[in-house]
Amino acid sequence: MDRRKERRLNLELPVRIWGVDRMARPFAELVRVRNVSNHGAVLIGVRSKVQPGEVLDVQHGASRAQFRIVWMSLSGEAGIQALAFEPPILGIGLPKVFEMVGTG
């Protein structure tokens, strides 16, 4: 049974991320997100040394918001969750029919 609070969209979008890595060095990268909801997603292709609990700025088009890293894999994927009161930037402009699609 799926424990998620929000439905997810099975698509990929380009985003820009930036922040400070675990060695206290600033970074900026172009990556992709998948498994998108209004308040979270999975980042694909993260090369910087980041870890759960750190905060990233994420930009999709002209919209940006801050997200916390919830989990990180060795393959460069990271689960992210929007900080409280941040606007939903990843689902903006999607037709209502897509918002009803779940992952199972």
N, C-alpha and C. Protein backbone atom coordinates (compact mmCIF):
# COMPACT_ATOMS: atom_id res chain seq x y z
N MET A 1 0.84 -1.19 0.00
CA MET A 1 0.00 0.00 0.00
C MET A 1 0.88 1.25 0.00
N ASP A 2 0.53 2.21 -0.84
CA ASP A 2 1.30 3.44 -0.96
C ASP A 2 1.00 4.37 0.22
N ARG A 3 2.05 4.84 0.91
CA ARG A 3 1.89 5.70 2.08
C ARG A 3 1.97 7.18 1.75
N ARG A 4 2.13 7.53 0.48
CA ARG A 4 2.30 8.92 0.11
C ARG A 4 1.02 9.72 0.34
N LYS A 5 1.21 10.99 0.72
CA LYS A 5 0.08 11.88 0.98
C LYS A 5 -0.42 12.54 -0.30
N GLU A 6 0.41 12.60 -1.34
CA GLU A 6 0.05 13.25 -2.59
C GLU A 6 0.25 12.29 -3.75
N ARG A 7 -0.55 12.48 -4.77
CA ARG A 7 -0.35 11.72 -6.00
C ARG A 7 0.90 12.22 -6.71
N ARG A 8 1.54 11.33 -7.46
CA ARG A 8 2.77 11.66 -8.18
C ARG A 8 2.54 11.61 -9.68
N LEU A 9 3.29 12.42 -10.41
CA LEU A 9 3.28 12.40 -11.87
C LEU A 9 4.54 11.69 -12.34
N ASN A 10 4.37 10.73 -13.22
CA ASN A 10 5.51 9.98 -13.74
C ASN A 10 6.02 10.69 -14.99
N LEU A 11 6.79 11.75 -14.79
CA LEU A 11 7.38 12.50 -15.89
C LEU A 11 8.73 13.03 -15.45
N GLU A 12 9.50 13.53 -16.41
CA GLU A 12 10.79 14.14 -16.09
C GLU A 12 10.81 15.58 -16.55
N LEU A 13 11.38 16.45 -15.71
CA LEU A 13 11.49 17.87 -16.02
C LEU A 13 12.91 18.34 -15.72
N PRO A 14 13.45 19.27 -16.51
CA PRO A 14 14.76 19.85 -16.20
C PRO A 14 14.63 20.89 -15.10
N VAL A 15 15.57 20.90 -14.16
CA VAL A 15 15.60 21.90 -13.10
C VAL A 15 17.05 22.30 -12.83
N ARG A 16 17.19 23.45 -12.22
CA ARG A 16 18.50 23.92 -11.76
C ARG A 16 18.48 23.84 -10.25
N ILE A 17 19.54 23.29 -9.66
CA ILE A 17 19.64 23.25 -8.20
C ILE A 17 20.92 23.95 -7.77
N TRP A 18 20.88 24.52 -6.59
CA TRP A 18 22.10 25.10 -6.01
C TRP A 18 21.99 25.11 -4.50
N GLY A 19 23.16 25.18 -3.88
CA GLY A 19 23.22 25.16 -2.43
C GLY A 19 24.67 25.07 -1.99
N VAL A 20 24.87 24.49 -0.81
CA VAL A 20 26.20 24.29 -0.24
C VAL A 20 26.35 22.80 0.05
N ASP A 21 27.44 22.20 -0.42
CA ASP A 21 27.62 20.76 -0.22
C ASP A 21 28.13 20.46 1.19
N ARG A 22 28.33 19.18 1.48
CA ARG A 22 28.73 18.80 2.85
C ARG A 22 30.16 19.22 3.21
N MET A 23 30.91 19.70 2.21
CA MET A 23 32.25 20.24 2.47
C MET A 23 32.21 21.77 2.55
N ALA A 24 30.99 22.34 2.66
CA ALA A 24 30.75 23.78 2.76
C ALA A 24 31.17 24.54 1.50
N ARG A 25 31.10 23.86 0.34
CA ARG A 25 31.41 24.50 -0.94
C ARG A 25 30.11 24.77 -1.70
N PRO A 26 29.94 25.97 -2.22
CA PRO A 26 28.74 26.26 -3.01
C PRO A 26 28.76 25.46 -4.31
N PHE A 27 27.57 25.09 -4.80
CA PHE A 27 27.47 24.37 -6.07
C PHE A 27 26.20 24.79 -6.79
N ALA A 28 26.19 24.57 -8.09
CA ALA A 28 25.01 24.75 -8.93
C ALA A 28 25.07 23.68 -10.00
N GLU A 29 23.94 23.05 -10.28
CA GLU A 29 23.88 21.96 -11.26
C GLU A 29 22.59 22.02 -12.03
N LEU A 30 22.63 21.52 -13.26
CA LEU A 30 21.43 21.25 -14.03
C LEU A 30 21.16 19.77 -13.92
N VAL A 31 19.99 19.40 -13.40
CA VAL A 31 19.61 18.00 -13.22
C VAL A 31 18.18 17.84 -13.72
N ARG A 32 17.61 16.67 -13.50
CA ARG A 32 16.22 16.41 -13.86
C ARG A 32 15.48 15.95 -12.61
N VAL A 33 14.17 16.17 -12.61
CA VAL A 33 13.32 15.63 -11.57
C VAL A 33 12.35 14.64 -12.20
N ARG A 34 11.96 13.64 -11.42
CA ARG A 34 10.94 12.69 -11.85
C ARG A 34 10.05 12.39 -10.65
N ASN A 35 8.98 11.65 -10.89
CA ASN A 35 8.07 11.26 -9.81
C ASN A 35 7.63 12.51 -9.03
N VAL A 36 7.07 13.46 -9.75
CA VAL A 36 6.79 14.80 -9.24
C VAL A 36 5.43 14.90 -8.56
N SER A 37 5.40 15.61 -7.43
CA SER A 37 4.14 16.02 -6.79
C SER A 37 4.23 17.52 -6.56
N ASN A 38 3.20 18.11 -5.98
CA ASN A 38 3.25 19.54 -5.70
C ASN A 38 4.31 19.89 -4.66
N HIS A 39 4.67 18.94 -3.79
CA HIS A 39 5.58 19.26 -2.69
C HIS A 39 6.83 18.40 -2.64
N GLY A 40 7.09 17.60 -3.67
CA GLY A 40 8.27 16.76 -3.65
C GLY A 40 8.57 16.16 -5.00
N ALA A 41 9.73 15.53 -5.10
CA ALA A 41 10.17 14.90 -6.35
C ALA A 41 11.42 14.09 -6.07
N VAL A 42 11.89 13.42 -7.11
CA VAL A 42 13.17 12.72 -7.06
C VAL A 42 14.10 13.43 -8.04
N LEU A 43 15.25 13.88 -7.56
CA LEU A 43 16.27 14.47 -8.42
C LEU A 43 17.08 13.35 -9.06
N ILE A 44 17.44 13.52 -10.32
CA ILE A 44 18.25 12.54 -11.04
C ILE A 44 19.53 13.22 -11.51
N GLY A 45 20.66 12.58 -11.28
CA GLY A 45 21.94 13.08 -11.79
C GLY A 45 22.65 14.07 -10.90
N VAL A 46 22.41 14.03 -9.61
CA VAL A 46 23.08 14.94 -8.68
C VAL A 46 24.53 14.50 -8.52
N ARG A 47 25.46 15.40 -8.80
CA ARG A 47 26.89 15.07 -8.69
C ARG A 47 27.53 15.64 -7.43
N SER A 48 26.93 16.68 -6.88
CA SER A 48 27.51 17.32 -5.69
C SER A 48 27.37 16.42 -4.47
N LYS A 49 28.25 16.60 -3.53
CA LYS A 49 28.25 15.83 -2.28
C LYS A 49 27.26 16.44 -1.31
N VAL A 50 26.01 16.03 -1.43
CA VAL A 50 24.95 16.51 -0.54
C VAL A 50 24.44 15.34 0.29
N GLN A 51 23.72 15.65 1.37
CA GLN A 51 23.23 14.59 2.24
C GLN A 51 21.85 14.95 2.78
N PRO A 52 21.12 13.97 3.28
CA PRO A 52 19.79 14.23 3.83
C PRO A 52 19.83 15.31 4.92
N GLY A 53 18.80 16.14 4.92
CA GLY A 53 18.70 17.23 5.87
C GLY A 53 19.13 18.57 5.31
N GLU A 54 19.95 18.55 4.25
CA GLU A 54 20.41 19.81 3.66
C GLU A 54 19.30 20.44 2.83
N VAL A 55 19.37 21.76 2.68
CA VAL A 55 18.38 22.52 1.93
C VAL A 55 18.97 22.94 0.59
N LEU A 56 18.18 22.76 -0.47
CA LEU A 56 18.57 23.15 -1.82
C LEU A 56 17.59 24.18 -2.35
N ASP A 57 18.07 25.05 -3.21
CA ASP A 57 17.18 25.89 -4.00
C ASP A 57 16.96 25.15 -5.31
N VAL A 58 15.71 25.08 -5.76
CA VAL A 58 15.36 24.39 -6.99
C VAL A 58 14.61 25.38 -7.87
N GLN A 59 15.02 25.45 -9.15
CA GLN A 59 14.36 26.35 -10.09
C GLN A 59 13.86 25.56 -11.28
N HIS A 60 12.56 25.75 -11.60
CA HIS A 60 11.95 25.16 -12.79
C HIS A 60 11.36 26.30 -13.59
N GLY A 61 11.93 26.58 -14.76
CA GLY A 61 11.52 27.76 -15.51
C GLY A 61 11.87 29.00 -14.71
N ALA A 62 10.91 29.90 -14.55
CA ALA A 62 11.14 31.12 -13.77
C ALA A 62 10.77 30.95 -12.30
N SER A 63 10.23 29.80 -11.94
CA SER A 63 9.78 29.57 -10.56
C SER A 63 10.86 28.88 -9.75
N ARG A 64 10.99 29.27 -8.48
CA ARG A 64 11.94 28.59 -7.62
C ARG A 64 11.41 28.49 -6.20
N ALA A 65 11.95 27.49 -5.50
CA ALA A 65 11.54 27.23 -4.12
C ALA A 65 12.65 26.46 -3.43
N GLN A 66 12.58 26.40 -2.10
CA GLN A 66 13.56 25.64 -1.33
C GLN A 66 12.99 24.28 -0.96
N PHE A 67 13.86 23.27 -1.06
CA PHE A 67 13.51 21.89 -0.75
C PHE A 67 14.54 21.30 0.20
N ARG A 68 14.11 20.39 1.03
CA ARG A 68 15.01 19.65 1.91
C ARG A 68 15.26 18.29 1.30
N ILE A 69 16.52 17.82 1.35
CA ILE A 69 16.84 16.48 0.88
C ILE A 69 16.37 15.49 1.94
N VAL A 70 15.54 14.54 1.53
CA VAL A 70 14.99 13.55 2.45
C VAL A 70 15.83 12.28 2.42
N TRP A 71 16.28 11.89 1.23
CA TRP A 71 17.13 10.71 1.10
C TRP A 71 18.05 10.91 -0.10
N MET A 72 19.16 10.18 -0.11
CA MET A 72 20.16 10.28 -1.18
C MET A 72 20.64 8.88 -1.50
N SER A 73 20.76 8.55 -2.78
CA SER A 73 21.29 7.25 -3.18
C SER A 73 22.72 7.39 -3.69
N LEU A 74 23.43 6.29 -3.77
CA LEU A 74 24.80 6.31 -4.29
C LEU A 74 24.83 6.57 -5.79
N SER A 75 23.69 6.34 -6.47
CA SER A 75 23.64 6.52 -7.91
C SER A 75 23.32 7.96 -8.33
N GLY A 76 23.23 8.88 -7.39
CA GLY A 76 23.00 10.28 -7.72
C GLY A 76 21.55 10.69 -7.74
N GLU A 77 20.67 9.89 -7.14
CA GLU A 77 19.28 10.28 -6.99
C GLU A 77 19.05 10.80 -5.58
N ALA A 78 18.13 11.75 -5.47
CA ALA A 78 17.81 12.32 -4.15
C ALA A 78 16.33 12.61 -4.08
N GLY A 79 15.70 12.20 -2.99
CA GLY A 79 14.31 12.55 -2.72
C GLY A 79 14.28 13.90 -2.06
N ILE A 80 13.44 14.80 -2.56
CA ILE A 80 13.35 16.15 -2.00
C ILE A 80 11.91 16.47 -1.62
N GLN A 81 11.77 17.32 -0.59
CA GLN A 81 10.46 17.74 -0.12
C GLN A 81 10.50 19.25 0.06
N ALA A 82 9.47 19.94 -0.44
CA ALA A 82 9.41 21.40 -0.34
C ALA A 82 9.32 21.82 1.13
N LEU A 83 10.00 22.89 1.47
CA LEU A 83 9.88 23.45 2.81
C LEU A 83 8.47 24.02 2.98
N ALA A 84 8.03 24.10 4.22
CA ALA A 84 6.70 24.63 4.52
C ALA A 84 6.54 26.03 3.91
N PHE A 85 5.38 26.30 3.38
CA PHE A 85 5.00 27.59 2.82
C PHE A 85 5.67 27.91 1.49
N GLU A 86 6.41 26.97 0.91
CA GLU A 86 6.97 27.20 -0.42
C GLU A 86 5.89 26.92 -1.47
N PRO A 87 5.87 27.69 -2.55
CA PRO A 87 4.85 27.46 -3.59
C PRO A 87 5.15 26.18 -4.37
N PRO A 88 4.11 25.52 -4.89
CA PRO A 88 4.36 24.34 -5.73
C PRO A 88 4.89 24.77 -7.09
N ILE A 89 6.15 24.47 -7.36
CA ILE A 89 6.77 24.94 -8.61
C ILE A 89 6.84 23.85 -9.67
N LEU A 90 6.71 22.59 -9.30
CA LEU A 90 6.93 21.52 -10.27
C LEU A 90 5.66 21.09 -10.99
N GLY A 91 4.49 21.38 -10.44
CA GLY A 91 3.25 20.98 -11.08
C GLY A 91 2.52 22.13 -11.75
N ILE A 92 3.12 23.30 -11.77
CA ILE A 92 2.47 24.49 -12.33
C ILE A 92 2.21 24.30 -13.83
N GLY A 93 1.02 24.59 -14.25
CA GLY A 93 0.69 24.53 -15.67
C GLY A 93 0.30 23.16 -16.17
N LEU A 94 0.30 22.14 -15.32
CA LEU A 94 -0.09 20.81 -15.77
C LEU A 94 -1.61 20.72 -15.79
N PRO A 95 -2.15 20.10 -16.83
CA PRO A 95 -3.60 19.93 -16.87
C PRO A 95 -4.12 19.14 -15.68
N LYS A 96 -5.36 19.41 -15.27
CA LYS A 96 -5.96 18.74 -14.12
C LYS A 96 -5.97 17.23 -14.29
N VAL A 97 -6.11 16.72 -15.50
CA VAL A 97 -6.15 15.28 -15.71
C VAL A 97 -4.87 14.61 -15.21
N PHE A 98 -3.71 15.29 -15.34
CA PHE A 98 -2.45 14.73 -14.88
C PHE A 98 -2.37 14.67 -13.37
N GLU A 99 -3.03 15.61 -12.69
CA GLU A 99 -2.97 15.64 -11.23
C GLU A 99 -3.67 14.44 -10.61
N MET A 100 -4.49 13.74 -11.37
CA MET A 100 -5.22 12.59 -10.86
C MET A 100 -4.45 11.28 -11.05
N VAL A 101 -3.33 11.32 -11.76
CA VAL A 101 -2.58 10.10 -12.03
C VAL A 101 -1.73 9.74 -10.83
N GLY A 102 -1.85 8.54 -10.32
CA GLY A 102 -1.05 8.07 -9.20
C GLY A 102 -0.04 7.05 -9.66
N THR A 103 0.81 6.62 -8.74
CA THR A 103 1.83 5.62 -9.08
C THR A 103 1.40 4.23 -8.66
N GLY A 104 0.26 4.10 -8.11
CA GLY A 104 -0.15 2.74 -7.81
C GLY A 104 -0.79 2.62 -6.53
